[in-house]
Protein backbone atom coordinates (compact mmCIF):
# COMPACT_ATOMS: atom_id res chain seq x y z
CA MET A 1 106.84 -24.95 -7.67
CA LYS A 2 106.65 -23.08 -4.37
CA LEU A 3 103.00 -24.06 -3.98
CA ILE A 4 103.80 -27.76 -4.44
CA LEU A 5 106.62 -27.61 -1.93
CA PHE A 6 104.37 -25.89 0.61
CA PHE A 7 101.73 -28.60 0.21
CA PHE A 8 104.35 -31.34 0.71
CA VAL A 9 105.60 -29.79 3.97
CA ILE A 10 102.20 -29.50 5.60
CA ALA A 11 101.07 -32.96 4.42
CA ILE A 12 103.73 -34.92 6.31
CA PRO A 13 102.19 -34.62 9.80
CA LEU A 14 98.71 -35.41 8.45
CA PHE A 15 99.78 -38.85 7.22
CA ALA A 16 102.55 -39.71 9.66
CA SER A 17 101.92 -42.85 11.71
CA PRO A 18 100.93 -42.37 15.34
CA LYS A 19 103.70 -43.01 17.86
CA ILE A 20 103.77 -44.15 21.48
CA ILE A 21 106.82 -42.59 23.09
CA THR A 22 108.04 -43.85 26.45
CA ARG A 23 111.06 -45.58 27.98
CA ASP A 24 111.78 -49.18 27.02
CA LEU A 25 113.42 -50.40 30.23
CA VAL A 26 112.73 -49.08 33.74
CA LEU A 27 112.75 -50.10 37.39
CA ILE A 28 109.31 -51.27 38.37
CA ASP A 29 108.93 -48.50 40.96
CA GLU A 30 109.87 -45.73 38.52
CA GLU A 31 107.23 -43.32 37.28
CA ILE A 32 107.37 -43.16 33.50
CA PHE A 33 105.72 -40.77 31.06
CA ILE A 34 103.75 -41.76 27.98
CA LEU A 35 103.47 -39.41 25.02
CA VAL A 36 101.32 -40.21 21.98
CA GLU A 37 102.00 -38.23 18.80
CA ASN A 38 100.65 -37.89 15.24
CA LEU A 39 97.02 -38.41 16.24
CA PRO A 40 93.98 -36.83 14.58
CA PRO A 41 93.70 -33.41 16.28
CA CYS A 42 91.03 -33.10 18.97
CA GLN A 43 89.81 -36.65 18.42
CA PRO A 44 89.41 -39.48 20.95
CA PHE A 45 91.79 -42.44 21.02
CA THR A 46 92.16 -45.51 23.23
CA LEU A 47 95.30 -46.95 24.80
CA ASN A 48 95.49 -50.47 26.21
CA SER A 49 98.06 -52.00 28.53
CA ARG A 50 98.48 -55.76 28.79
CA PHE A 51 100.82 -58.36 30.24
CA THR A 52 100.80 -62.06 31.12
CA ASP A 53 101.97 -63.10 34.59
CA VAL A 54 104.14 -66.14 35.34
CA LYS A 55 101.06 -68.28 36.03
CA GLY A 56 99.71 -67.54 32.56
CA PHE A 57 96.96 -65.10 33.57
CA ASP A 58 96.39 -62.07 31.34
CA TRP A 59 96.09 -58.61 32.86
CA GLU A 60 94.74 -55.53 31.11
CA ALA A 61 93.73 -51.88 31.49
CA SER A 62 92.26 -49.54 28.91
CA SER A 63 91.37 -45.83 28.81
CA THR A 64 90.17 -43.35 26.23
CA TYR A 65 91.60 -39.83 25.87
CA PHE A 66 91.31 -36.77 23.65
CA ALA A 67 94.29 -35.65 21.60
CA ASN A 68 95.00 -31.91 21.68
CA GLU A 69 94.81 -29.60 18.68
CA ASP A 70 98.31 -30.64 17.66
CA GLY A 71 97.40 -34.34 17.65
CA VAL A 72 99.40 -35.01 20.80
CA ALA A 73 98.50 -36.47 24.21
CA ASN A 74 100.81 -36.48 27.24
CA LEU A 75 99.33 -38.85 29.81
CA SER A 76 100.99 -36.92 32.65
CA GLN A 77 98.81 -33.94 31.66
CA THR A 78 95.77 -35.55 30.01
CA PRO A 79 92.97 -37.18 32.04
CA PRO A 80 91.03 -40.03 30.43
CA ILE A 81 87.45 -39.42 29.42
CA SER A 82 86.59 -43.05 30.31
CA GLY A 83 88.24 -46.32 31.16
CA SER A 84 90.22 -48.01 33.93
CA TYR A 85 91.08 -44.91 35.97
CA ARG A 86 90.08 -41.31 36.56
CA GLY A 87 92.08 -38.12 36.84
CA ILE A 88 95.58 -37.35 35.63
CA ASP A 89 97.95 -40.22 36.37
CA SER A 90 100.96 -41.04 34.22
CA MET A 91 101.00 -44.59 35.66
CA GLY A 92 97.26 -45.22 35.53
CA LEU A 93 97.52 -47.82 32.77
CA PHE A 94 100.03 -49.81 34.84
CA CYS A 95 98.56 -49.83 38.35
CA THR A 96 94.90 -50.36 37.36
CA MET A 97 95.37 -53.51 35.29
CA MET A 98 93.06 -56.37 36.30
CA ARG A 99 92.90 -60.02 35.40
CA THR A 100 90.90 -60.49 32.23
CA ASP A 101 88.95 -63.38 33.79
CA GLY A 102 87.58 -60.97 36.42
CA VAL A 103 89.08 -62.76 39.45
CA PRO A 104 90.42 -60.25 42.02
CA ALA A 105 94.07 -61.04 42.64
CA PHE A 106 97.63 -59.84 42.80
CA PRO A 107 99.75 -60.67 39.76
CA ALA A 108 102.18 -63.56 40.00
CA LEU A 109 105.47 -61.90 39.10
CA ASP A 110 108.98 -63.25 38.67
CA ASN A 111 110.81 -61.18 41.29
CA LEU A 112 108.82 -58.05 40.41
CA ASN A 113 109.58 -58.20 36.69
CA MET A 114 106.92 -57.64 34.07
CA GLU A 115 106.77 -56.88 30.36
CA VAL A 116 103.86 -54.61 29.46
CA THR A 117 102.59 -54.06 25.93
CA LEU A 118 100.95 -50.70 25.24
CA SER A 119 98.73 -50.69 22.17
CA LEU A 120 96.97 -47.97 20.20
CA THR A 121 94.49 -48.83 17.45
CA THR A 122 94.05 -46.18 14.78
CA TYR A 123 93.69 -45.96 11.00
CA GLU A 124 92.81 -49.67 11.15
CA LYS A 125 96.36 -50.37 12.37
CA VAL A 126 97.65 -51.41 15.75
CA ILE A 127 100.62 -49.45 17.09
CA THR A 128 102.43 -51.16 19.99
CA LYS A 129 105.20 -50.33 22.41
CA VAL A 130 106.74 -52.79 24.88
CA VAL A 131 107.89 -51.53 28.28
CA LYS A 132 110.11 -53.87 30.32
CA ARG A 133 109.79 -53.22 34.04
CA GLN A 134 112.33 -54.86 36.33
CA SER A 135 113.41 -54.93 39.96
CA LEU A 136 117.15 -55.38 39.53
CA LEU A 137 119.83 -53.14 38.03
CA PRO A 138 122.66 -55.02 36.27
CA GLN A 139 125.34 -53.58 38.56
CA VAL A 140 123.80 -55.23 41.65
CA ASP A 141 125.52 -58.51 42.60
CA VAL A 142 123.16 -61.41 43.34
CA ILE A 143 124.46 -63.97 45.88
CA PRO A 144 122.22 -67.01 46.53
CA ILE A 145 122.45 -68.39 50.09
CA GLU A 146 121.86 -72.04 50.92
CA GLU A 147 124.36 -72.90 53.62
CA GLU A 148 124.40 -73.68 57.32
CA GLY A 149 120.63 -74.11 57.20
CA LEU A 150 120.09 -70.55 55.95
CA TYR A 151 118.08 -69.75 52.83
CA GLY A 152 117.80 -66.48 50.93
CA THR A 153 119.46 -64.14 48.46
CA LEU A 154 121.85 -61.29 49.15
CA PHE A 155 121.70 -58.29 46.81
CA MET A 156 124.82 -56.11 46.90
CA PRO A 157 124.95 -52.72 45.16
CA PRO A 158 128.46 -51.61 44.14
CA SER A 159 130.57 -50.13 46.96
CA ASP A 160 134.22 -49.83 47.93
CA CYS A 161 133.41 -50.15 51.64
CA PRO A 162 131.62 -52.73 53.82
CA GLN A 163 127.89 -52.02 53.75
CA SER A 164 125.01 -52.07 56.20
CA VAL A 165 122.40 -54.66 55.26
CA VAL A 166 118.60 -54.71 55.43
CA ILE A 167 116.86 -58.07 55.89
CA THR A 168 113.43 -58.38 54.26
CA LEU A 169 110.86 -60.56 56.04
CA SER A 170 107.76 -61.73 54.18
CA GLY A 171 104.34 -62.00 55.75
CA SER A 172 102.09 -65.03 56.19
CA ASN A 173 102.53 -66.04 52.56
CA GLY A 174 106.13 -67.04 53.34
CA GLY A 175 108.95 -67.30 50.82
CA THR A 176 111.71 -64.73 50.53
CA GLY A 177 110.22 -61.70 48.76
CA LYS A 178 113.23 -61.38 46.46
CA GLY A 179 111.62 -58.70 44.30
CA ARG A 180 111.36 -56.12 47.08
CA ALA A 181 114.93 -56.88 48.19
CA ALA A 182 116.30 -56.56 44.65
CA LEU A 183 114.49 -53.26 44.21
CA LEU A 184 115.81 -51.85 47.47
CA ALA A 185 119.34 -52.87 46.47
CA SER A 186 118.83 -51.18 43.10
CA HIS A 187 118.35 -47.99 45.11
CA GLY A 188 121.72 -48.47 46.78
CA VAL A 189 120.85 -50.40 49.98
CA ALA A 190 122.42 -53.85 50.46
CA THR A 191 119.52 -56.21 51.12
CA LEU A 192 119.13 -59.84 52.19
CA ALA A 193 115.88 -61.50 51.11
CA LEU A 194 115.61 -64.06 53.89
CA GLY A 195 113.36 -67.10 53.98
CA TYR A 196 112.12 -68.31 57.35
CA PHE A 197 109.18 -70.54 56.41
CA SER A 198 107.30 -71.88 53.37
CA PHE A 199 110.54 -72.31 51.46
CA GLU A 200 112.45 -75.45 50.51
CA GLY A 201 114.51 -76.62 53.48
CA LEU A 202 112.52 -74.52 55.97
CA PRO A 203 109.33 -75.10 58.02
CA LYS A 204 106.22 -75.33 55.86
CA ASN A 205 104.01 -73.33 58.19
CA LEU A 206 104.40 -70.24 60.34
CA GLU A 207 104.56 -72.30 63.52
CA ASN A 208 107.29 -72.67 66.15
CA ILE A 209 109.74 -70.51 64.19
CA ASP A 210 112.90 -70.47 66.31
CA LEU A 211 114.55 -67.08 66.79
CA ALA A 212 117.87 -68.94 67.03
CA TYR A 213 117.66 -69.19 63.23
CA PHE A 214 118.10 -65.42 63.04
CA GLU A 215 121.08 -65.55 65.39
CA LYS A 216 122.70 -67.80 62.78
CA VAL A 217 121.87 -65.17 60.18
CA PHE A 218 123.56 -62.48 62.30
CA SER A 219 126.70 -64.63 62.57
CA TRP A 220 126.68 -65.28 58.83
CA ILE A 221 126.51 -61.51 58.20
CA ASP A 222 129.45 -60.95 60.57
CA ASP A 223 131.55 -63.38 58.53
CA ARG A 224 130.96 -61.51 55.22
CA SER A 225 133.76 -59.05 54.51
CA GLU A 226 131.53 -56.94 52.21
CA LEU A 227 129.08 -56.34 55.09
CA SER A 228 129.71 -54.08 58.08
CA GLY A 229 127.58 -56.05 60.55
CA LYS A 230 125.05 -53.22 60.88
CA ILE A 231 121.55 -54.72 60.39
CA GLY A 232 118.13 -53.26 59.64
CA LEU A 233 114.83 -55.11 59.15
CA TYR A 234 111.97 -54.56 56.70
CA GLY A 235 108.92 -56.67 57.57
CA VAL A 236 105.38 -56.77 56.23
CA SER A 237 102.32 -57.98 58.21
CA ARG A 238 103.42 -61.11 60.16
CA GLY A 239 106.92 -60.22 58.92
CA ALA A 240 106.51 -56.81 60.60
CA GLU A 241 105.48 -58.60 63.80
CA LEU A 242 108.69 -60.64 63.49
CA ALA A 243 110.83 -57.57 62.72
CA LEU A 244 109.61 -55.78 65.85
CA LEU A 245 110.11 -58.95 67.88
CA LEU A 246 113.70 -59.39 66.66
CA GLY A 247 114.42 -55.71 67.25
CA SER A 248 113.18 -56.08 70.81
CA PHE A 249 114.94 -59.36 71.62
CA PHE A 250 118.23 -58.50 69.89
CA PRO A 251 118.56 -54.70 70.23
CA GLU A 252 122.34 -54.96 70.17
CA ARG A 253 122.12 -56.37 66.61
CA ILE A 254 119.12 -54.63 65.07
CA SER A 255 119.47 -50.86 64.70
CA ALA A 256 116.55 -49.98 62.39
CA VAL A 257 113.11 -51.44 61.68
CA LEU A 258 110.58 -50.67 58.96
CA ALA A 259 107.29 -52.33 59.95
CA VAL A 260 104.55 -52.21 57.30
CA VAL A 261 100.97 -52.95 58.47
CA PRO A 262 102.37 -54.31 61.78
CA SER A 263 101.00 -55.94 64.88
CA SER A 264 101.79 -54.65 68.35
CA VAL A 265 101.47 -58.11 69.92
CA VAL A 266 102.56 -61.68 69.25
CA TRP A 267 99.96 -63.93 67.62
CA GLY A 268 99.70 -67.70 67.50
CA ALA A 269 100.69 -69.98 64.65
CA LEU A 270 99.12 -69.47 61.23
CA GLY A 271 95.88 -71.43 61.12
CA ASN A 272 96.53 -72.90 64.57
CA PRO A 273 96.45 -70.09 67.15
CA ARG A 274 96.83 -72.51 70.08
CA GLU A 275 100.41 -73.17 68.94
CA ALA A 276 103.19 -70.60 69.16
CA ALA A 277 104.36 -68.82 66.04
CA TRP A 278 107.73 -67.85 67.57
CA ILE A 279 109.90 -69.78 70.01
CA TYR A 280 113.31 -69.26 71.60
CA GLU A 281 115.33 -71.62 73.76
CA GLY A 282 112.60 -74.22 73.44
CA LYS A 283 109.62 -72.16 74.57
CA PRO A 284 107.26 -69.49 73.20
CA VAL A 285 108.85 -66.04 73.21
CA LEU A 286 105.64 -64.55 74.66
CA PRO A 287 102.06 -65.70 75.28
CA SER A 288 99.97 -65.40 72.13
CA ALA A 289 97.41 -62.61 71.97
CA PRO A 290 93.77 -63.69 72.40
CA PHE A 291 91.81 -64.22 69.20
CA PRO A 292 88.20 -64.71 70.35
CA MET A 293 86.91 -66.54 67.32
CA ALA A 294 86.10 -70.18 68.01
CA LYS A 295 86.22 -71.22 64.39
CA LEU A 296 85.86 -69.79 60.92
CA ASP A 297 82.42 -70.15 59.40
CA ILE A 298 82.96 -72.96 56.89
CA ASN A 299 80.82 -71.13 54.36
CA ARG A 300 82.76 -67.86 54.51
CA GLY A 301 85.74 -67.02 52.35
CA LYS A 302 85.13 -69.69 49.74
CA ASP A 303 84.35 -67.06 47.13
CA PRO A 304 85.89 -63.60 46.52
CA SER A 305 82.42 -62.06 46.70
CA ASP A 306 82.19 -63.14 50.37
CA PRO A 307 85.64 -62.59 51.91
CA PHE A 308 86.54 -62.69 55.58
CA SER A 309 87.22 -59.47 57.46
CA THR A 310 89.03 -60.30 60.70
CA ARG A 311 89.66 -56.76 61.96
CA HIS A 312 86.87 -56.92 64.57
CA PHE A 313 88.14 -60.19 66.04
CA HIS A 314 91.56 -58.61 66.63
CA MET A 315 89.89 -55.59 68.21
CA MET A 316 87.91 -57.90 70.50
CA GLY A 317 91.17 -59.52 71.55
CA ARG A 318 92.67 -56.10 72.28
CA SER A 319 89.81 -55.44 74.71
CA MET A 320 90.78 -58.52 76.74
CA VAL A 321 93.39 -56.58 78.68
CA GLU A 322 94.60 -59.31 81.07
CA GLU A 323 95.44 -61.65 78.19
CA TRP A 324 96.50 -58.89 75.78
CA GLU A 325 99.21 -57.16 77.80
CA PRO A 326 101.46 -60.24 78.27
CA ALA A 327 101.52 -60.63 74.47
CA MET A 328 102.72 -57.08 73.79
CA ILE A 329 106.03 -56.95 71.90
CA PRO A 330 108.52 -55.17 74.23
CA VAL A 331 109.50 -52.47 71.74
CA GLU A 332 110.72 -50.32 74.63
CA LYS A 333 113.93 -52.38 74.43
CA MET A 334 114.63 -51.39 70.83
CA GLN A 335 117.34 -48.96 69.83
CA GLY A 336 115.55 -47.44 66.84
CA PRO A 337 114.91 -45.79 64.55
CA VAL A 338 111.53 -47.32 63.75
CA LEU A 339 109.25 -46.47 60.82
CA LEU A 340 105.67 -47.71 61.16
CA VAL A 341 103.30 -47.84 58.17
CA SER A 342 99.57 -48.58 58.50
CA GLY A 343 96.25 -48.43 56.68
CA GLY A 344 93.27 -46.77 58.34
CA ASP A 345 90.84 -49.29 56.79
CA ASP A 346 92.98 -52.41 57.25
CA GLN A 347 90.56 -55.35 57.49
CA MET A 348 93.13 -58.14 57.95
CA TRP A 349 93.96 -56.66 61.34
CA PRO A 350 93.79 -53.07 62.69
CA SER A 351 97.34 -52.08 61.77
CA ASP A 352 96.41 -48.43 62.31
CA VAL A 353 95.44 -49.11 65.94
CA PHE A 354 98.40 -51.45 66.49
CA ALA A 355 100.87 -48.94 65.01
CA ALA A 356 99.42 -46.17 67.21
CA ASP A 357 99.91 -48.44 70.26
CA LEU A 358 103.52 -49.07 69.19
CA ALA A 359 104.18 -45.38 68.58
CA GLU A 360 102.89 -44.49 72.05
CA ARG A 361 105.21 -46.99 73.71
CA LEU A 362 108.20 -45.99 71.55
CA GLU A 363 107.54 -42.37 72.46
CA SER A 364 107.49 -43.19 76.16
CA ALA A 365 110.87 -44.92 75.77
CA SER A 366 112.32 -41.98 73.75
CA ILE A 367 113.03 -44.25 70.77
CA PRO A 368 113.16 -42.37 67.41
CA HIS A 369 110.12 -43.33 65.36
CA ASN A 370 107.55 -42.18 62.86
CA HIS A 371 104.09 -43.49 62.04
CA LEU A 372 102.82 -43.10 58.48
CA LEU A 373 99.04 -43.58 58.64
CA TYR A 374 97.09 -43.71 55.37
CA PRO A 375 93.35 -43.42 56.15
CA GLU A 376 92.12 -44.67 52.74
CA ALA A 377 94.46 -47.66 52.59
CA GLY A 378 94.03 -51.23 53.82
CA HIS A 379 96.47 -54.10 54.30
CA GLY A 380 97.86 -53.94 50.74
CA ILE A 381 100.50 -51.21 51.10
CA THR A 382 103.48 -52.36 49.06
CA VAL A 383 105.68 -51.46 46.07
CA PRO A 384 103.91 -48.82 43.93
CA TYR A 385 102.77 -48.90 40.30
CA LEU A 386 101.62 -52.52 40.42
CA PRO A 387 98.18 -54.04 39.82
CA ARG A 388 96.50 -54.66 43.14
CA SER A 389 93.36 -56.05 44.75
CA ASN A 390 91.46 -55.53 47.99
CA HIS A 391 90.64 -59.22 48.24
CA TYR A 392 93.25 -61.90 48.84
CA LEU A 393 93.18 -65.66 48.46
CA HIS A 394 95.53 -66.80 51.22
CA PRO A 395 97.86 -69.49 49.80
CA HIS A 396 98.07 -71.45 53.08
CA VAL A 397 94.58 -71.08 54.50
CA GLN A 398 92.94 -71.24 51.02
CA ARG A 399 90.26 -68.73 51.98
CA TRP A 400 89.44 -65.31 50.62
CA PHE A 401 90.13 -62.37 52.94
CA SER A 402 89.25 -58.70 52.72
CA LEU A 403 92.33 -56.48 52.88
CA GLY A 404 90.26 -53.31 53.27
CA GLY A 405 90.92 -49.89 51.81
CA SER A 406 90.52 -49.21 48.11
CA ARG A 407 92.75 -49.95 45.15
CA LYS A 408 93.41 -46.24 44.71
CA GLY A 409 93.92 -45.71 48.45
CA ASP A 410 96.47 -48.54 48.59
CA GLU A 411 98.24 -47.26 45.48
CA MET A 412 98.55 -43.69 46.74
CA ALA A 413 99.79 -44.94 50.11
CA SER A 414 102.33 -47.20 48.41
CA ARG A 415 103.71 -44.35 46.30
CA ASP A 416 104.26 -42.18 49.35
CA PHE A 417 105.51 -44.86 51.75
CA TRP A 418 107.94 -46.47 49.30
CA LEU A 419 109.95 -43.29 48.73
CA LYS A 420 110.02 -42.56 52.46
CA GLY A 421 111.07 -46.13 53.21
CA ILE A 422 114.00 -45.94 50.79
CA GLU A 423 115.08 -42.65 52.32
CA PHE A 424 114.70 -44.13 55.82
CA PHE A 425 117.20 -46.90 55.04
CA ARG A 426 119.54 -44.66 53.06
CA LYS A 427 119.81 -42.26 55.98
CA TRP A 428 120.25 -45.12 58.46
CA SER A 429 122.92 -46.85 56.38
CA SER A 430 124.92 -43.64 55.97
CA GLU A 431 125.08 -43.03 59.73
CA GLU A 432 127.97 -44.40 61.74
CA GLN A 433 127.25 -47.33 64.02
C-alpha cells in the first residue's frame, strides 16, 4: 500500500499539463515575467507570441528554449537557443514581433492597446495564454475635447488638487498620439493629447500651423478648475521642434519640455519646404533652415528595400551657416527644465547633432537640461516593449524612409528613456510654480 501511494505521488508532475504563467492584464510599458512549468526536464520547447493589429495584419515572434531539470523555464533567466531574439530578455517575445507578411512596419494599435496570445505546443496539444496590454488605467478620467476649434483628449489621473498638465505633440504623422498620453496619465501625470494637424477639423498638412492655436489651448487650460495652469510639453520629431519653439516663444507659459529626436532649427512645411511650417501673427515664426536637396529621386523610397536616408541633407544644410543661424530655435529664452533625447544613428535627421547644439546653447543660458544620447538608436525611440522597425512608410509623403539604428538599439533606448521621461515629468509636476 505504501509503495502504491509513493508511485502516485511522484507520477503527478510527470503527467501534469504544461502551464504558461504570467499576468493577464498589464500596462503596455510594464515588464512582465513568463514562467513555463510542467515541461519535460532538460528538453527544448518553443513559445510563440501573436497578435492582430487594428488594420488586420498579423504579428508574430517565436523562440526555442531548454527547460531546466525540474521541467521549468523562467524567461527572465533563460536565454533562447534560437528564434526571434538573443540573450536573456523577459519581454523578448513582445518587442521582437514582426508582421507575418514580412513587410517592415510599426503595428497599427488602438491607443497602444494590444491582446497577445502566447502559445506552447507540446504533447500534441496547444497550450495558450492571453495577455491584454493596455495604455489606460480605469481610474484615469478621459475627457474628449472638440470645442472652440481645439481638438484632443485630456487624461486626468485621480487627484484632490489642481494638476499640472503635459501636452503631447505628435510628429510629422499628425494626429493626437492618444496612447502615449493615456500611458503617461496612467503613471500619474495629467496629459493632454493635442491635435494640431492631420486630424478632423484641423489642417491636413504640416504647413502654416499658427502658434495662436496653442495660445487658445493655454486659455482653455486656464479655464479648467482641475488644472493648475502649469504646462509642460512632450514632443517627438517635428513635434519636438514644435515643443522647443513653443517653449521659446511662450516661456511664461511653458515650464518644462521633453524633446525626443528633436531639431535645433525650424524647417519648412512637410513635403513643401518653400512654405513655412509655423506661423504667428500672419508671418513665419523664423526663416526655414536650408535643405539642399532639389528634389527626391522619383525611384527612391518606393520599396522598403531602398529607403531614403535624409541625414546627410540636413547636415549639408547645417554647414550653410549664413542661412542656418537665422533658423535656430531661440531656446535661450526658455525657462526649463529641458530633457533632450536623441539617437546616434538617426537617419531621418541628425537628432544627436541637433540635440548637442541645443544642449550647448541651453548650457550657455544656464537653463537646466539633460541630453540622453543613445549611440545605437535611430529615430524610433518611443514607448518600450512594442514591435518596431527601422524603416518607415511615411503616411503623408508615401515614401519609405530609413530611421537608422537597430531594432535592439531603439528598444534598449526606449526602455531607458521612457522611465527617465516619466520621472522628469513627475518631478516637474511636484515642484511649486
